[in-house]
Amino acid sequence: MLTRLSHTQHELVHERGYSENILASLADMLIVTDATGKILRTNGACMDALQYSHEDLLGRPIRHLLKSGDDVVSLLV
């Protein structure tokens, strides 16, 4: 049982790393938020384009990135 659990844990770590590499290598900006609009994740393209660090964006509301009068919905269309 412990060996199987260890194997499954190793597979999950491998898959997470694979997913992380894909997201990090995207040429397009990626911003992931929760249901309230709090930024949970960004990628390098986003940080380069917006000239913010990951730490500057993490946990902030996405509205922080919008110009006055813009709304989040218009960014998604």
C-alpha atoms as a PDB file:
ATOM      1  CA  MET A   1       0.000   0.000   0.000  1.00  0.00           C
ATOM      2  CA  LEU A   2       2.760   2.457   0.933  1.00  0.00           C
ATOM      3  CA  THR A   3       4.706   1.665  -2.242  1.00  0.00           C
ATOM      4  CA  ARG A   4       1.634   2.287  -4.370  1.00  0.00           C
ATOM      5  CA  LEU A   5       0.972   5.578  -2.579  1.00  0.00           C
ATOM      6  CA  SER A   6       4.586   6.623  -3.081  1.00  0.00           C
ATOM      7  CA  HIS A   7       4.380   5.746  -6.785  1.00  0.00           C
ATOM      8  CA  THR A   8       1.149   7.737  -7.189  1.00  0.00           C
ATOM      9  CA  GLN A   9       2.677  10.696  -5.383  1.00  0.00           C
ATOM     10  CA  HIS A  10       5.713  10.564  -7.689  1.00  0.00           C
ATOM     11  CA  GLU A  11       3.423  10.507 -10.743  1.00  0.00           C
ATOM     12  CA  LEU A  12       1.486  13.521  -9.464  1.00  0.00           C
ATOM     13  CA  VAL A  13       4.692  15.492  -8.921  1.00  0.00           C
ATOM     14  CA  HIS A  14       5.841  14.582 -12.439  1.00  0.00           C
ATOM     15  CA  GLU A  15       2.508  15.609 -13.999  1.00  0.00           C
ATOM     16  CA  ARG A  16       2.448  18.870 -12.068  1.00  0.00           C
ATOM     17  CA  GLY A  17       5.932  19.691 -13.325  1.00  0.00           C
ATOM     18  CA  TYR A  18       4.843  18.889 -16.869  1.00  0.00           C
ATOM     19  CA  SER A  19       1.807  21.173 -16.546  1.00  0.00           C
ATOM     20  CA  GLU A  20       3.915  23.932 -14.984  1.00  0.00           C
ATOM     21  CA  ASN A  21       6.334  23.787 -17.937  1.00  0.00           C
ATOM     22  CA  ILE A  22       3.507  24.063 -20.458  1.00  0.00           C
ATOM     23  CA  LEU A  23       1.969  27.068 -18.720  1.00  0.00           C
ATOM     24  CA  ALA A  24       5.329  28.766 -18.264  1.00  0.00           C
ATOM     25  CA  SER A  25       6.218  28.374 -21.942  1.00  0.00           C
ATOM     26  CA  LEU A  26       3.001  29.840 -23.338  1.00  0.00           C
ATOM     27  CA  ALA A  27       3.668  32.800 -25.627  1.00  0.00           C
ATOM     28  CA  ASP A  28       0.317  34.336 -24.668  1.00  0.00           C
ATOM     29  CA  MET A  29      -0.425  35.982 -21.345  1.00  0.00           C
ATOM     30  CA  LEU A  30      -2.075  33.780 -18.749  1.00  0.00           C
ATOM     31  CA  ILE A  31      -3.837  35.094 -15.665  1.00  0.00           C
ATOM     32  CA  VAL A  32      -5.728  32.668 -13.437  1.00  0.00           C
ATOM     33  CA  THR A  33      -8.141  34.077 -10.873  1.00  0.00           C
ATOM     34  CA  ASP A  34     -10.519  32.689  -8.329  1.00  0.00           C
ATOM     35  CA  ALA A  35     -14.264  33.386  -8.478  1.00  0.00           C
ATOM     36  CA  THR A  36     -13.784  36.762  -6.775  1.00  0.00           C
ATOM     37  CA  GLY A  37     -11.164  37.958  -9.268  1.00  0.00           C
ATOM     38  CA  LYS A  38      -8.138  37.466  -7.003  1.00  0.00           C
ATOM     39  CA  ILE A  39      -5.066  36.578  -9.080  1.00  0.00           C
ATOM     40  CA  LEU A  40      -3.830  33.073  -8.292  1.00  0.00           C
ATOM     41  CA  ARG A  41      -1.333  32.520 -11.106  1.00  0.00           C
ATOM     42  CA  THR A  42       0.398  34.279 -13.964  1.00  0.00           C
ATOM     43  CA  ASN A  43       2.970  33.219 -16.523  1.00  0.00           C
ATOM     44  CA  GLY A  44       6.158  34.790 -17.848  1.00  0.00           C
ATOM     45  CA  ALA A  45       4.447  36.330 -20.882  1.00  0.00           C
ATOM     46  CA  CYS A  46       2.036  38.124 -18.562  1.00  0.00           C
ATOM     47  CA  MET A  47       4.774  39.425 -16.304  1.00  0.00           C
ATOM     48  CA  ASP A  48       6.844  40.571 -19.292  1.00  0.00           C
ATOM     49  CA  ALA A  49       3.929  42.335 -20.989  1.00  0.00           C
ATOM     50  CA  LEU A  50       2.660  44.020 -17.836  1.00  0.00           C
ATOM     51  CA  GLN A  51       6.109  44.602 -16.319  1.00  0.00           C
ATOM     52  CA  TYR A  52       5.082  43.225 -12.933  1.00  0.00           C
ATOM     53  CA  SER A  53       6.671  40.441 -10.938  1.00  0.00           C
ATOM     54  CA  HIS A  54       4.696  37.365  -9.916  1.00  0.00           C
ATOM     55  CA  GLU A  55       4.818  38.602  -6.334  1.00  0.00           C
ATOM     56  CA  ASP A  56       3.348  41.980  -7.389  1.00  0.00           C
ATOM     57  CA  LEU A  57       0.329  40.263  -8.952  1.00  0.00           C
ATOM     58  CA  LEU A  58      -0.293  37.248  -6.735  1.00  0.00           C
ATOM     59  CA  GLY A  59      -3.301  37.773  -4.483  1.00  0.00           C
ATOM     60  CA  ARG A  60      -4.245  41.139  -5.965  1.00  0.00           C
ATOM     61  CA  PRO A  61      -7.629  41.717  -7.562  1.00  0.00           C
ATOM     62  CA  ILE A  62      -7.571  41.539 -11.355  1.00  0.00           C
ATOM     63  CA  ARG A  63      -9.243  44.942 -11.365  1.00  0.00           C
ATOM     64  CA  HIS A  64      -5.814  46.274 -10.366  1.00  0.00           C
ATOM     65  CA  LEU A  65      -4.743  45.628 -13.975  1.00  0.00           C
ATOM     66  CA  LEU A  66      -7.682  47.405 -15.587  1.00  0.00           C
ATOM     67  CA  LYS A  67      -7.849  50.998 -16.696  1.00  0.00           C
ATOM     68  CA  SER A  68     -10.589  53.092 -15.167  1.00  0.00           C
ATOM     69  CA  GLY A  69     -13.873  52.272 -16.890  1.00  0.00           C
ATOM     70  CA  ASP A  70     -12.786  48.821 -18.125  1.00  0.00           C
ATOM     71  CA  ASP A  71     -14.360  45.687 -16.789  1.00  0.00           C
ATOM     72  CA  VAL A  72     -13.186  42.097 -16.522  1.00  0.00           C
ATOM     73  CA  VAL A  73     -15.875  40.799 -18.879  1.00  0.00           C
ATOM     74  CA  SER A  74     -14.541  42.904 -21.770  1.00  0.00           C
ATOM     75  CA  LEU A  75     -11.139  41.252 -21.336  1.00  0.00           C
ATOM     76  CA  LEU A  76     -12.639  37.814 -21.791  1.00  0.00           C
ATOM     77  CA  VAL A  77     -14.367  38.485 -25.098  1.00  0.00           C
END
